[in-house]
Amino acid sequence: SQFMDQNNPLSGLTHKRRLSALGPGGLSRERAGLEVRDVHPSHYGRMCPIETPEGPNIGLIGSLSVYARVNPFGFIETP
């Protein structure tokens, strides 16, 4: 868990749309290889390929694309 960035309304919205492959049931920074961190064709329209942090979390933390949404079953949908 982390505190929400409240510098401006846009940063708060971006923080709420963040995706992570880390945590329980996910990956660890040490075990994640280049294949996991790279952009996959199934991410098209669902995850932004540009907005990812630099450093050890690159490719493991991302953001939803503009029109993507999470359905009630937990899947990411795109129009």
Protein backbone atom coordinates (compact mmCIF):
# COMPACT_ATOMS: atom_id res chain seq x y z
CA SER A 1 0.00 0.00 0.00
CA GLN A 2 1.14 3.55 -0.56
CA PHE A 3 -0.14 7.05 -0.01
CA MET A 4 -2.01 8.63 -2.91
CA ASP A 5 -0.23 11.41 -4.73
CA GLN A 6 -2.37 14.51 -4.13
CA ASN A 7 -0.34 17.18 -5.94
CA ASN A 8 -3.15 17.79 -8.40
CA PRO A 9 -6.32 15.98 -9.55
CA LEU A 10 -4.61 14.44 -12.59
CA SER A 11 -1.85 12.80 -10.53
CA GLY A 12 -4.49 11.33 -8.20
CA LEU A 13 -6.39 9.88 -11.17
CA THR A 14 -3.19 8.41 -12.62
CA HIS A 15 -2.38 6.84 -9.26
CA LYS A 16 -5.79 5.12 -9.17
CA ARG A 17 -5.28 3.66 -12.68
CA ARG A 18 -1.91 2.08 -11.87
CA LEU A 19 -1.29 -1.65 -12.44
CA SER A 20 1.29 -3.80 -10.69
CA ALA A 21 2.69 -7.27 -11.33
CA LEU A 22 4.35 -7.29 -7.89
CA GLY A 23 3.01 -8.55 -4.58
CA PRO A 24 1.49 -11.75 -3.22
CA GLY A 25 0.65 -14.13 -6.05
CA GLY A 26 2.69 -11.99 -8.44
CA LEU A 27 6.31 -11.50 -9.35
CA SER A 28 9.31 -10.24 -7.42
CA ARG A 29 11.77 -7.70 -8.80
CA GLU A 30 14.62 -10.19 -8.59
CA ARG A 31 12.86 -13.03 -10.44
CA ALA A 32 11.29 -10.95 -13.23
CA GLY A 33 13.20 -11.37 -16.48
CA LEU A 34 13.25 -9.27 -19.62
CA GLU A 35 10.41 -11.23 -21.23
CA VAL A 36 8.01 -10.24 -18.44
CA ARG A 37 9.06 -6.58 -18.51
CA ASP A 38 8.76 -6.20 -22.29
CA VAL A 39 5.59 -5.04 -24.07
CA HIS A 40 3.36 -7.95 -25.13
CA PRO A 41 0.88 -7.74 -28.06
CA SER A 42 -2.01 -8.50 -25.68
CA HIS A 43 -1.30 -5.19 -23.88
CA TYR A 44 -2.43 -3.22 -26.96
CA GLY A 45 -5.23 -0.86 -25.92
CA ARG A 46 -5.17 -2.13 -22.34
CA MET A 47 -1.86 -0.95 -20.86
CA CYS A 48 0.15 2.14 -21.72
CA PRO A 49 3.55 1.01 -23.07
CA ILE A 50 5.20 4.32 -22.18
CA GLU A 51 4.10 5.10 -18.64
CA THR A 52 6.30 2.85 -16.48
CA PRO A 53 8.81 3.86 -13.81
CA GLU A 54 12.55 3.79 -14.35
CA GLY A 55 14.80 1.62 -12.24
CA PRO A 56 14.12 -1.85 -10.80
CA ASN A 57 10.33 -1.60 -11.35
CA ILE A 58 10.52 -0.91 -15.09
CA GLY A 59 7.90 -2.96 -16.91
CA LEU A 60 6.44 -4.35 -13.67
CA ILE A 61 4.32 -1.31 -12.85
CA GLY A 62 2.20 0.29 -15.54
CA SER A 63 -1.00 2.22 -16.14
CA LEU A 64 -4.29 1.54 -17.87
CA SER A 65 -4.70 3.02 -21.34
CA VAL A 66 -7.06 5.93 -21.87
CA TYR A 67 -10.22 3.97 -22.75
CA ALA A 68 -9.41 0.74 -20.88
CA ARG A 69 -11.50 -0.33 -17.91
CA VAL A 70 -11.67 -3.25 -15.50
CA ASN A 71 -14.89 -5.29 -15.76
CA PRO A 72 -16.68 -6.84 -12.73
CA PHE A 73 -14.75 -10.10 -13.24
CA GLY A 74 -11.37 -8.35 -12.99
CA PHE A 75 -10.44 -8.46 -16.69
CA ILE A 76 -9.15 -5.39 -18.51
CA GLU A 77 -11.46 -4.44 -21.40
CA THR A 78 -10.92 -2.09 -24.29
CA PRO A 79 -13.51 -0.78 -26.77
